[in-house]
Amino acid sequence: MSDGLTMPVVVGAVVGLGIYVLVRALMPTRRSALSQVARIDAMRARGSAYESARPAAQETGRFGSLRAQVGVKVAEFYQQQGWEQRSLRADLAVLERSWEKFLATKVLLAVAGLFFGPFLFAIVWQLGFGSSPVIPVWLALLCAVLFFVLPDLEVRRDAAEKRRDLRRVIGAYLDLVSMSLAGGRGLPEALMAAAEVSDGWATQRIRNALADARITGLSQWQALGQLGEELGVEELKDLSASLALVADDGAKVRESLASRAETMRHRELAEIEGSAGEKSQSMLVAQLLLCAGFLVFLIFPAAMRVFQV
């Protein structure tokens, strides 16, 4: 086979393989028992949250409706395959974002990457670099994968920052609960009263969880544990477990809450000190580089004179 026919055959094979993989991924296949059970558990765990996300996905405009349809289809595909993505769902729950909208964003960005890769190659080819027809295919796939992963990185970064703020609020919340218990209130009343002090997003989530517990018949500490499971915050789950053990003894509850709040404050101070140490080290490195550049600026003229002699 001549060289002129080799490249078209390779490009056609790569494109055909990509189409085959896409069709196999989207075709409804017979689900295994494990994936079916995981799908049922995911739907049961989401409950009303899944249904409440449907109206939010109904956006105005042509692009909004397309995004909503794509999000629902991809979410159903994830459920059929049994892909729970619990950590990612917890990050989205912290950020109060819709799971369907997030999946639609990932897919649409991946499609945009498929067109961005060849467009980038066309610009480079106009400048006189690169002539192989395989390069646009690999660029398209690479850009599609990169654009598909970028929303995950953004969500994880924002969720980590918001969880850090939530942990600070939890420490202050435990102090307020302990003071309310010392004032003679019962544990359920103290938990709700401490959550009503502020209107921040963290205390609102705690207050809503406690209010829902009254309607559903759960205990207050079970509601906090479910909130910690939903948001991926270990402190709330540990608090729920400790309150379940000592809920009947007011003195032990106060001691447990006070010690836990103190532990969280010490941990926060350690994190702040560690962050400050990293920033000081980076500033020291920058100062050393600046001094090295200044020394080179001073020594360079003298060295040139010496070597010229």
C-alpha atoms as a PDB file:
ATOM      1  CA  MET A   1       0.000   0.000   0.000  1.00  0.00           C
ATOM      2  CA  SER A   2       1.405   3.363  -0.981  1.00  0.00           C
ATOM      3  CA  ASP A   3       2.092   6.139   1.525  1.00  0.00           C
ATOM      4  CA  GLY A   4      -0.678   8.248   0.003  1.00  0.00           C
ATOM      5  CA  LEU A   5      -3.291   5.663   1.023  1.00  0.00           C
ATOM      6  CA  THR A   6      -1.845   4.782   4.430  1.00  0.00           C
ATOM      7  CA  MET A   7      -2.863   7.974   6.229  1.00  0.00           C
ATOM      8  CA  PRO A   8      -6.514   7.985   5.066  1.00  0.00           C
ATOM      9  CA  VAL A   9      -6.837   4.353   6.131  1.00  0.00           C
ATOM     10  CA  VAL A  10      -5.388   5.107   9.577  1.00  0.00           C
ATOM     11  CA  VAL A  11      -7.638   8.136  10.024  1.00  0.00           C
ATOM     12  CA  GLY A  12     -10.688   6.145   8.935  1.00  0.00           C
ATOM     13  CA  ALA A  13      -9.807   3.317  11.315  1.00  0.00           C
ATOM     14  CA  VAL A  14      -9.425   5.703  14.257  1.00  0.00           C
ATOM     15  CA  VAL A  15     -12.696   7.487  13.465  1.00  0.00           C
ATOM     16  CA  GLY A  16     -14.523   4.184  12.996  1.00  0.00           C
ATOM     17  CA  LEU A  17     -13.191   2.876  16.300  1.00  0.00           C
ATOM     18  CA  GLY A  18     -14.358   6.034  18.052  1.00  0.00           C
ATOM     19  CA  ILE A  19     -17.844   5.747  16.533  1.00  0.00           C
ATOM     20  CA  TYR A  20     -18.047   2.068  17.511  1.00  0.00           C
ATOM     21  CA  VAL A  21     -17.067   2.803  21.127  1.00  0.00           C
ATOM     22  CA  LEU A  22     -19.586   5.669  21.287  1.00  0.00           C
ATOM     23  CA  VAL A  23     -22.407   3.502  19.927  1.00  0.00           C
ATOM     24  CA  ARG A  24     -21.579   0.663  22.321  1.00  0.00           C
ATOM     25  CA  ALA A  25     -21.560   3.082  25.251  1.00  0.00           C
ATOM     26  CA  LEU A  26     -24.922   4.595  24.355  1.00  0.00           C
ATOM     27  CA  MET A  27     -26.728   1.404  23.370  1.00  0.00           C
ATOM     28  CA  PRO A  28     -29.089   0.088  26.045  1.00  0.00           C
ATOM     29  CA  THR A  29     -27.513  -3.145  27.233  1.00  0.00           C
ATOM     30  CA  ARG A  30     -28.778  -5.761  29.621  1.00  0.00           C
ATOM     31  CA  ARG A  31     -27.841  -4.592  33.102  1.00  0.00           C
ATOM     32  CA  SER A  32     -26.336  -6.908  35.654  1.00  0.00           C
ATOM     33  CA  ALA A  33     -27.888  -7.501  39.054  1.00  0.00           C
ATOM     34  CA  LEU A  34     -25.194  -5.411  40.737  1.00  0.00           C
ATOM     35  CA  SER A  35     -25.791  -2.382  38.512  1.00  0.00           C
ATOM     36  CA  GLN A  36     -29.565  -2.747  38.930  1.00  0.00           C
ATOM     37  CA  VAL A  37     -29.306  -2.786  42.734  1.00  0.00           C
ATOM     38  CA  ALA A  38     -26.929   0.189  42.647  1.00  0.00           C
ATOM     39  CA  ARG A  39     -29.392   2.083  40.446  1.00  0.00           C
ATOM     40  CA  ILE A  40     -32.275   1.410  42.850  1.00  0.00           C
ATOM     41  CA  ASP A  41     -30.182   2.415  45.866  1.00  0.00           C
ATOM     42  CA  ALA A  42     -29.089   5.621  44.161  1.00  0.00           C
ATOM     43  CA  MET A  43     -32.657   6.576  43.295  1.00  0.00           C
ATOM     44  CA  ARG A  44     -33.840   5.779  46.819  1.00  0.00           C
ATOM     45  CA  ALA A  45     -30.988   7.779  48.391  1.00  0.00           C
ATOM     46  CA  ARG A  46     -31.629  10.788  46.243  1.00  0.00           C
ATOM     47  CA  GLY A  47     -35.386  10.701  46.823  1.00  0.00           C
ATOM     48  CA  SER A  48     -36.906  14.140  46.682  1.00  0.00           C
ATOM     49  CA  ALA A  49     -33.578  15.745  45.854  1.00  0.00           C
ATOM     50  CA  TYR A  50     -33.640  14.075  42.443  1.00  0.00           C
ATOM     51  CA  GLU A  51     -37.176  15.228  41.792  1.00  0.00           C
ATOM     52  CA  SER A  52     -36.445  18.774  42.955  1.00  0.00           C
ATOM     53  CA  ALA A  53     -33.581  18.963  40.515  1.00  0.00           C
ATOM     54  CA  ARG A  54     -35.904  18.328  37.567  1.00  0.00           C
ATOM     55  CA  PRO A  55     -37.719  21.697  37.711  1.00  0.00           C
ATOM     56  CA  ALA A  56     -34.426  23.488  38.227  1.00  0.00           C
ATOM     57  CA  ALA A  57     -33.120  21.884  35.044  1.00  0.00           C
ATOM     58  CA  GLN A  58     -35.907  23.437  32.998  1.00  0.00           C
ATOM     59  CA  GLU A  59     -34.143  26.533  31.742  1.00  0.00           C
ATOM     60  CA  THR A  60     -35.406  29.078  29.293  1.00  0.00           C
ATOM     61  CA  GLY A  61     -34.046  29.382  25.809  1.00  0.00           C
ATOM     62  CA  ARG A  62     -32.961  26.867  23.215  1.00  0.00           C
ATOM     63  CA  PHE A  63     -29.578  26.227  24.810  1.00  0.00           C
ATOM     64  CA  GLY A  64     -31.182  25.869  28.237  1.00  0.00           C
ATOM     65  CA  SER A  65     -33.655  23.248  27.034  1.00  0.00           C
ATOM     66  CA  LEU A  66     -30.881  21.384  25.192  1.00  0.00           C
ATOM     67  CA  ARG A  67     -28.744  21.423  28.325  1.00  0.00           C
ATOM     68  CA  ALA A  68     -31.644  20.117  30.423  1.00  0.00           C
ATOM     69  CA  GLN A  69     -32.359  17.270  27.991  1.00  0.00           C
ATOM     70  CA  VAL A  70     -28.709  16.277  27.764  1.00  0.00           C
ATOM     71  CA  GLY A  71     -28.365  16.362  31.552  1.00  0.00           C
ATOM     72  CA  VAL A  72     -31.374  14.097  32.106  1.00  0.00           C
ATOM     73  CA  LYS A  73     -30.205  11.609  29.450  1.00  0.00           C
ATOM     74  CA  VAL A  74     -26.665  11.428  30.803  1.00  0.00           C
ATOM     75  CA  ALA A  75     -27.934  11.093  34.383  1.00  0.00           C
ATOM     76  CA  GLU A  76     -30.143   8.183  33.330  1.00  0.00           C
ATOM     77  CA  PHE A  77     -27.177   6.604  31.553  1.00  0.00           C
ATOM     78  CA  TYR A  78     -25.097   6.895  34.734  1.00  0.00           C
ATOM     79  CA  GLN A  79     -27.893   5.228  36.709  1.00  0.00           C
ATOM     80  CA  GLN A  80     -28.183   2.385  34.203  1.00  0.00           C
ATOM     81  CA  GLN A  81     -24.464   1.732  34.427  1.00  0.00           C
ATOM     82  CA  GLY A  82     -24.469   1.938  38.240  1.00  0.00           C
ATOM     83  CA  TRP A  83     -21.969   4.811  38.386  1.00  0.00           C
ATOM     84  CA  GLU A  84     -22.796   6.513  41.685  1.00  0.00           C
ATOM     85  CA  GLN A  85     -19.948   9.058  41.881  1.00  0.00           C
ATOM     86  CA  ARG A  86     -20.605   9.630  45.582  1.00  0.00           C
ATOM     87  CA  SER A  87     -17.686  11.984  46.233  1.00  0.00           C
ATOM     88  CA  LEU A  88     -18.597  14.109  43.228  1.00  0.00           C
ATOM     89  CA  ARG A  89     -22.255  14.182  44.270  1.00  0.00           C
ATOM     90  CA  ALA A  90     -21.184  15.291  47.748  1.00  0.00           C
ATOM     91  CA  ASP A  91     -19.121  18.107  46.232  1.00  0.00           C
ATOM     92  CA  LEU A  92     -22.103  19.235  44.180  1.00  0.00           C
ATOM     93  CA  ALA A  93     -24.333  19.042  47.260  1.00  0.00           C
ATOM     94  CA  VAL A  94     -21.941  21.333  49.125  1.00  0.00           C
ATOM     95  CA  LEU A  95     -22.009  23.791  46.234  1.00  0.00           C
ATOM     96  CA  GLU A  96     -25.810  23.397  45.860  1.00  0.00           C
ATOM     97  CA  ARG A  97     -25.514  22.537  42.184  1.00  0.00           C
ATOM     98  CA  SER A  98     -27.644  20.184  40.140  1.00  0.00           C
ATOM     99  CA  TRP A  99     -26.232  16.799  39.175  1.00  0.00           C
ATOM    100  CA  GLU A 100     -27.974  16.903  35.787  1.00  0.00           C
ATOM    101  CA  LYS A 101     -26.654  20.365  34.939  1.00  0.00           C
ATOM    102  CA  PHE A 102     -23.148  19.293  35.876  1.00  0.00           C
ATOM    103  CA  LEU A 103     -23.262  16.226  33.628  1.00  0.00           C
ATOM    104  CA  ALA A 104     -24.696  18.289  30.776  1.00  0.00           C
ATOM    105  CA  THR A 105     -21.862  20.788  31.154  1.00  0.00           C
ATOM    106  CA  LYS A 106     -19.269  18.000  30.994  1.00  0.00           C
ATOM    107  CA  VAL A 107     -20.775  16.468  27.852  1.00  0.00           C
ATOM    108  CA  LEU A 108     -21.235  19.775  26.040  1.00  0.00           C
ATOM    109  CA  LEU A 109     -17.687  20.824  26.863  1.00  0.00           C
ATOM    110  CA  ALA A 110     -16.401  17.493  25.545  1.00  0.00           C
ATOM    111  CA  VAL A 111     -18.297  18.040  22.293  1.00  0.00           C
ATOM    112  CA  ALA A 112     -16.832  21.535  22.072  1.00  0.00           C
ATOM    113  CA  GLY A 113     -13.374  20.003  22.571  1.00  0.00           C
ATOM    114  CA  LEU A 114     -13.915  17.714  19.586  1.00  0.00           C
ATOM    115  CA  PHE A 115     -14.286  20.789  17.385  1.00  0.00           C
ATOM    116  CA  PHE A 116     -11.649  22.856  19.173  1.00  0.00           C
ATOM    117  CA  GLY A 117      -8.855  20.344  18.481  1.00  0.00           C
ATOM    118  CA  PRO A 118      -9.114  20.404  14.659  1.00  0.00           C
ATOM    119  CA  PHE A 119      -9.674  24.170  14.757  1.00  0.00           C
ATOM    120  CA  LEU A 120      -6.410  24.567  16.676  1.00  0.00           C
ATOM    121  CA  PHE A 121      -4.660  22.307  14.176  1.00  0.00           C
ATOM    122  CA  ALA A 122      -6.010  24.407  11.287  1.00  0.00           C
ATOM    123  CA  ILE A 123      -4.468  27.513  12.807  1.00  0.00           C
ATOM    124  CA  VAL A 124      -1.126  25.751  13.301  1.00  0.00           C
ATOM    125  CA  TRP A 125      -1.281  24.335   9.772  1.00  0.00           C
ATOM    126  CA  GLN A 126      -1.847  27.807   8.337  1.00  0.00           C
ATOM    127  CA  LEU A 127       1.333  28.908  10.089  1.00  0.00           C
ATOM    128  CA  GLY A 128       3.247  26.133   8.336  1.00  0.00           C
ATOM    129  CA  PHE A 129       3.606  23.614  11.178  1.00  0.00           C
ATOM    130  CA  GLY A 130       2.398  20.036  10.905  1.00  0.00           C
ATOM    131  CA  SER A 131       0.977  18.237   7.902  1.00  0.00           C
ATOM    132  CA  SER A 132      -0.113  14.798   9.152  1.00  0.00           C
ATOM    133  CA  PRO A 133      -3.893  14.144   8.960  1.00  0.00           C
ATOM    134  CA  VAL A 134      -3.714  12.018  12.144  1.00  0.00           C
ATOM    135  CA  ILE A 135      -2.863  15.043  14.289  1.00  0.00           C
ATOM    136  CA  PRO A 136      -6.377  16.593  14.162  1.00  0.00           C
ATOM    137  CA  VAL A 137      -7.937  13.336  15.334  1.00  0.00           C
ATOM    138  CA  TRP A 138      -5.650  13.045  18.347  1.00  0.00           C
ATOM    139  CA  LEU A 139      -6.046  16.741  19.108  1.00  0.00           C
ATOM    140  CA  ALA A 140      -9.827  16.382  19.022  1.00  0.00           C
ATOM    141  CA  LEU A 141      -9.763  13.402  21.393  1.00  0.00           C
ATOM    142  CA  LEU A 142      -7.262  15.063  23.706  1.00  0.00           C
ATOM    143  CA  CYS A 143      -9.251  18.306  23.889  1.00  0.00           C
ATOM    144  CA  ALA A 144     -12.493  16.371  24.428  1.00  0.00           C
ATOM    145  CA  VAL A 145     -11.019  14.441  27.366  1.00  0.00           C
ATOM    146  CA  LEU A 146      -9.467  17.603  28.808  1.00  0.00           C
ATOM    147  CA  PHE A 147     -12.681  19.603  28.566  1.00  0.00           C
ATOM    148  CA  PHE A 148     -14.621  16.673  30.050  1.00  0.00           C
ATOM    149  CA  VAL A 149     -12.373  16.596  33.147  1.00  0.00           C
ATOM    150  CA  LEU A 150     -12.134  20.356  33.755  1.00  0.00           C
ATOM    151  CA  PRO A 151     -15.551  20.686  35.498  1.00  0.00           C
ATOM    152  CA  ASP A 152     -14.545  17.958  37.956  1.00  0.00           C
ATOM    153  CA  LEU A 153     -11.414  19.844  38.945  1.00  0.00           C
ATOM    154  CA  GLU A 154     -13.335  23.084  39.386  1.00  0.00           C
ATOM    155  CA  VAL A 155     -16.038  21.460  41.499  1.00  0.00           C
ATOM    156  CA  ARG A 156     -13.555  19.676  43.758  1.00  0.00           C
ATOM    157  CA  ARG A 157     -11.574  22.880  44.310  1.00  0.00           C
ATOM    158  CA  ASP A 158     -14.641  24.973  45.156  1.00  0.00           C
ATOM    159  CA  ALA A 159     -16.112  22.230  47.358  1.00  0.00           C
ATOM    160  CA  ALA A 160     -12.874  21.920  49.344  1.00  0.00           C
ATOM    161  CA  GLU A 161     -12.919  25.649  50.077  1.00  0.00           C
ATOM    162  CA  LYS A 162     -16.586  25.568  51.082  1.00  0.00           C
ATOM    163  CA  ARG A 163     -16.074  22.541  53.336  1.00  0.00           C
ATOM    164  CA  ARG A 164     -13.288  24.418  55.074  1.00  0.00           C
ATOM    165  CA  ASP A 165     -15.713  27.223  55.848  1.00  0.00           C
ATOM    166  CA  LEU A 166     -18.314  24.695  56.968  1.00  0.00           C
ATOM    167  CA  ARG A 167     -15.906  23.143  59.464  1.00  0.00           C
ATOM    168  CA  ARG A 168     -15.250  26.557  60.987  1.00  0.00           C
ATOM    169  CA  VAL A 169     -18.988  27.104  61.375  1.00  0.00           C
ATOM    170  CA  ILE A 170     -19.430  23.659  62.934  1.00  0.00           C
ATOM    171  CA  GLY A 171     -16.865  24.486  65.626  1.00  0.00           C
ATOM    172  CA  ALA A 172     -18.727  27.665  66.592  1.00  0.00           C
ATOM    173  CA  TYR A 173     -22.046  25.810  66.343  1.00  0.00           C
ATOM    174  CA  LEU A 174     -20.899  23.210  68.870  1.00  0.00           C
ATOM    175  CA  ASP A 175     -19.909  25.957  71.309  1.00  0.00           C
ATOM    176  CA  LEU A 176     -23.379  27.491  70.994  1.00  0.00           C
ATOM    177  CA  VAL A 177     -25.047  24.133  71.572  1.00  0.00           C
ATOM    178  CA  SER A 178     -22.905  23.546  74.644  1.00  0.00           C
ATOM    179  CA  MET A 179     -23.846  26.953  76.068  1.00  0.00           C
ATOM    180  CA  SER A 180     -27.536  26.301  75.393  1.00  0.00           C
ATOM    181  CA  LEU A 181     -27.287  22.990  77.237  1.00  0.00           C
ATOM    182  CA  ALA A 182     -25.599  24.717  80.150  1.00  0.00           C
ATOM    183  CA  GLY A 183     -28.552  27.136  80.233  1.00  0.00           C
ATOM    184  CA  GLY A 184     -30.981  24.290  80.911  1.00  0.00           C
ATOM    185  CA  ARG A 185     -32.299  23.469  77.425  1.00  0.00           C
ATOM    186  CA  GLY A 186     -32.738  19.983  76.136  1.00  0.00           C
ATOM    187  CA  LEU A 187     -30.563  18.617  73.352  1.00  0.00           C
ATOM    188  CA  PRO A 188     -33.116  18.963  70.475  1.00  0.00           C
ATOM    189  CA  GLU A 189     -33.980  22.531  71.517  1.00  0.00           C
ATOM    190  CA  ALA A 190     -30.296  23.427  71.925  1.00  0.00           C
ATOM    191  CA  LEU A 191     -29.423  22.090  68.483  1.00  0.00           C
ATOM    192  CA  MET A 192     -32.200  24.084  66.787  1.00  0.00           C
ATOM    193  CA  ALA A 193     -31.576  27.263  68.817  1.00  0.00           C
ATOM    194  CA  ALA A 194     -27.876  27.265  67.927  1.00  0.00           C
ATOM    195  CA  ALA A 195     -28.727  26.836  64.243  1.00  0.00           C
ATOM    196  CA  GLU A 196     -31.071  29.851  64.335  1.00  0.00           C
ATOM    197  CA  VAL A 197     -28.378  32.292  65.466  1.00  0.00           C
ATOM    198  CA  SER A 198     -26.989  32.998  61.991  1.00  0.00           C
ATOM    199  CA  ASP A 199     -28.373  33.136  58.446  1.00  0.00           C
ATOM    200  CA  GLY A 200     -25.229  31.845  56.738  1.00  0.00           C
ATOM    201  CA  TRP A 201     -25.438  29.052  54.223  1.00  0.00           C
ATOM    202  CA  ALA A 202     -23.879  26.532  56.638  1.00  0.00           C
ATOM    203  CA  THR A 203     -26.296  27.196  59.481  1.00  0.00           C
ATOM    204  CA  GLN A 204     -29.162  27.194  56.996  1.00  0.00           C
ATOM    205  CA  ARG A 205     -28.229  23.692  55.860  1.00  0.00           C
ATOM    206  CA  ILE A 206     -28.054  22.529  59.474  1.00  0.00           C
ATOM    207  CA  ARG A 207     -31.352  24.234  60.316  1.00  0.00           C
ATOM    208  CA  ASN A 208     -33.109  22.716  57.322  1.00  0.00           C
ATOM    209  CA  ALA A 209     -31.804  19.257  58.207  1.00  0.00           C
ATOM    210  CA  LEU A 210     -33.058  19.604  61.793  1.00  0.00           C
ATOM    211  CA  ALA A 211     -36.440  20.896  60.596  1.00  0.00           C
ATOM    212  CA  ASP A 212     -36.800  17.980  58.168  1.00  0.00           C
ATOM    213  CA  ALA A 213     -35.977  15.582  61.002  1.00  0.00           C
ATOM    214  CA  ARG A 214     -39.022  16.789  62.916  1.00  0.00           C
ATOM    215  CA  ILE A 215     -41.255  16.056  59.920  1.00  0.00           C
ATOM    216  CA  THR A 216     -39.788  12.664  59.045  1.00  0.00           C
ATOM    217  CA  GLY A 217     -39.570  11.476  62.652  1.00  0.00           C
ATOM    218  CA  LEU A 218     -35.783  11.130  62.786  1.00  0.00           C
ATOM    219  CA  SER A 219     -33.733  12.215  65.756  1.00  0.00           C
ATOM    220  CA  GLN A 220     -31.727  15.422  65.556  1.00  0.00           C
ATOM    221  CA  TRP A 221     -28.374  13.625  65.601  1.00  0.00           C
ATOM    222  CA  GLN A 222     -29.485  11.229  62.874  1.00  0.00           C
ATOM    223  CA  ALA A 223     -30.367  14.246  60.724  1.00  0.00           C
ATOM    224  CA  LEU A 224     -26.902  15.685  61.311  1.00  0.00           C
ATOM    225  CA  GLY A 225     -25.367  12.359  60.345  1.00  0.00           C
ATOM    226  CA  GLN A 226     -27.365  12.254  57.114  1.00  0.00           C
ATOM    227  CA  LEU A 227     -26.314  15.823  56.354  1.00  0.00           C
ATOM    228  CA  GLY A 228     -22.684  14.874  56.909  1.00  0.00           C
ATOM    229  CA  GLU A 229     -23.119  11.880  54.599  1.00  0.00           C
ATOM    230  CA  GLU A 230     -24.700  14.072  51.924  1.00  0.00           C
ATOM    231  CA  LEU A 231     -22.047  16.797  52.113  1.00  0.00           C
ATOM    232  CA  GLY A 232     -19.092  14.482  52.727  1.00  0.00           C
ATOM    233  CA  VAL A 233     -18.184  16.123  56.052  1.00  0.00           C
ATOM    234  CA  GLU A 234     -16.728  13.642  58.523  1.00  0.00           C
ATOM    235  CA  GLU A 235     -17.135  16.003  61.488  1.00  0.00           C
ATOM    236  CA  LEU A 236     -20.927  15.905  61.231  1.00  0.00           C
ATOM    237  CA  LYS A 237     -20.981  12.116  60.994  1.00  0.00           C
ATOM    238  CA  ASP A 238     -18.700  11.787  64.029  1.00  0.00           C
ATOM    239  CA  LEU A 239     -20.876  14.286  65.906  1.00  0.00           C
ATOM    240  CA  SER A 240     -23.967  12.249  65.096  1.00  0.00           C
ATOM    241  CA  ALA A 241     -22.356   9.046  66.357  1.00  0.00           C
ATOM    242  CA  SER A 242     -21.161  10.655  69.598  1.00  0.00           C
ATOM    243  CA  LEU A 243     -24.535  12.288  70.296  1.00  0.00           C
ATOM    244  CA  ALA A 244     -26.308   8.988  69.750  1.00  0.00           C
ATOM    245  CA  LEU A 245     -24.177   7.441  72.515  1.00  0.00           C
ATOM    246  CA  VAL A 246     -24.584  10.162  75.168  1.00  0.00           C
ATOM    247  CA  ALA A 247     -27.889  11.785  74.194  1.00  0.00           C
ATOM    248  CA  ASP A 248     -29.553  10.869  77.495  1.00  0.00           C
ATOM    249  CA  ASP A 249     -26.865  12.366  79.729  1.00  0.00           C
ATOM    250  CA  GLY A 250     -26.725  16.176  79.553  1.00  0.00           C
ATOM    251  CA  ALA A 251     -23.373  16.499  81.326  1.00  0.00           C
ATOM    252  CA  LYS A 252     -21.678  14.029  78.981  1.00  0.00           C
ATOM    253  CA  VAL A 253     -23.211  15.799  75.988  1.00  0.00           C
ATOM    254  CA  ARG A 254     -21.772  19.151  77.107  1.00  0.00           C
ATOM    255  CA  GLU A 255     -18.351  17.621  77.725  1.00  0.00           C
ATOM    256  CA  SER A 256     -18.396  15.845  74.386  1.00  0.00           C
ATOM    257  CA  LEU A 257     -19.415  18.968  72.469  1.00  0.00           C
ATOM    258  CA  ALA A 258     -16.882  21.185  74.262  1.00  0.00           C
ATOM    259  CA  SER A 259     -14.011  18.767  73.652  1.00  0.00           C
ATOM    260  CA  ARG A 260     -14.998  18.285  70.030  1.00  0.00           C
ATOM    261  CA  ALA A 261     -15.210  22.045  69.439  1.00  0.00           C
ATOM    262  CA  GLU A 262     -11.784  22.509  71.045  1.00  0.00           C
ATOM    263  CA  THR A 263     -10.332  19.754  68.865  1.00  0.00           C
ATOM    264  CA  MET A 264     -11.726  21.393  65.737  1.00  0.00           C
ATOM    265  CA  ARG A 265     -10.279  24.762  66.749  1.00  0.00           C
ATOM    266  CA  HIS A 266      -6.843  23.222  67.308  1.00  0.00           C
ATOM    267  CA  ARG A 267      -7.051  21.496  63.930  1.00  0.00           C
ATOM    268  CA  GLU A 268      -8.052  24.754  62.251  1.00  0.00           C
ATOM    269  CA  LEU A 269      -5.171  26.605  63.918  1.00  0.00           C
ATOM    270  CA  ALA A 270      -2.758  23.886  62.768  1.00  0.00           C
ATOM    271  CA  GLU A 271      -4.036  24.199  59.191  1.00  0.00           C
ATOM    272  CA  ILE A 272      -3.716  27.988  59.320  1.00  0.00           C
ATOM    273  CA  GLU A 273      -0.181  27.746  60.665  1.00  0.00           C
ATOM    274  CA  GLY A 274       0.743  25.206  58.000  1.00  0.00           C
ATOM    275  CA  SER A 275      -0.673  27.413  55.247  1.00  0.00           C
ATOM    276  CA  ALA A 276       1.175  30.425  56.632  1.00  0.00           C
ATOM    277  CA  GLY A 277       4.400  28.397  56.722  1.00  0.00           C
ATOM    278  CA  GLU A 278       3.993  27.370  53.080  1.00  0.00           C
ATOM    279  CA  LYS A 279       3.387  30.984  52.050  1.00  0.00           C
ATOM    280  CA  SER A 280       6.429  32.185  53.998  1.00  0.00           C
ATOM    281  CA  GLN A 281       8.575  29.509  52.339  1.00  0.00           C
ATOM    282  CA  SER A 282       7.357  30.562  48.896  1.00  0.00           C
ATOM    283  CA  MET A 283       8.124  34.200  49.721  1.00  0.00           C
ATOM    284  CA  LEU A 284      11.606  33.181  50.880  1.00  0.00           C
ATOM    285  CA  VAL A 285      12.241  31.354  47.607  1.00  0.00           C
ATOM    286  CA  ALA A 286      11.053  34.391  45.640  1.00  0.00           C
ATOM    287  CA  GLN A 287      13.388  36.661  47.626  1.00  0.00           C
ATOM    288  CA  LEU A 288      16.331  34.310  47.039  1.00  0.00           C
ATOM    289  CA  LEU A 289      15.641  34.275  43.302  1.00  0.00           C
ATOM    290  CA  LEU A 290      15.432  38.056  43.268  1.00  0.00           C
ATOM    291  CA  CYS A 291      18.759  38.325  45.115  1.00  0.00           C
ATOM    292  CA  ALA A 292      20.373  35.822  42.731  1.00  0.00           C
ATOM    293  CA  GLY A 293      19.170  37.814  39.724  1.00  0.00           C
ATOM    294  CA  PHE A 294      20.529  41.042  41.259  1.00  0.00           C
ATOM    295  CA  LEU A 295      23.921  39.409  41.879  1.00  0.00           C
ATOM    296  CA  VAL A 296      24.038  38.180  38.282  1.00  0.00           C
ATOM    297  CA  PHE A 297      23.197  41.716  37.137  1.00  0.00           C
ATOM    298  CA  LEU A 298      26.144  43.081  39.183  1.00  0.00           C
ATOM    299  CA  ILE A 299      28.679  40.372  38.324  1.00  0.00           C
ATOM    300  CA  PHE A 300      27.914  40.041  34.591  1.00  0.00           C
ATOM    301  CA  PRO A 301      29.637  43.301  33.410  1.00  0.00           C
ATOM    302  CA  ALA A 302      32.778  42.567  35.428  1.00  0.00           C
ATOM    303  CA  ALA A 303      32.902  38.987  34.165  1.00  0.00           C
ATOM    304  CA  MET A 304      32.572  40.153  30.560  1.00  0.00           C
ATOM    305  CA  ARG A 305      35.487  42.525  31.012  1.00  0.00           C
ATOM    306  CA  VAL A 306      37.634  39.789  32.525  1.00  0.00           C
ATOM    307  CA  PHE A 307      36.908  37.326  29.728  1.00  0.00           C
ATOM    308  CA  GLN A 308      37.470  39.961  27.061  1.00  0.00           C
ATOM    309  CA  VAL A 309      40.907  40.668  28.523  1.00  0.00           C
END
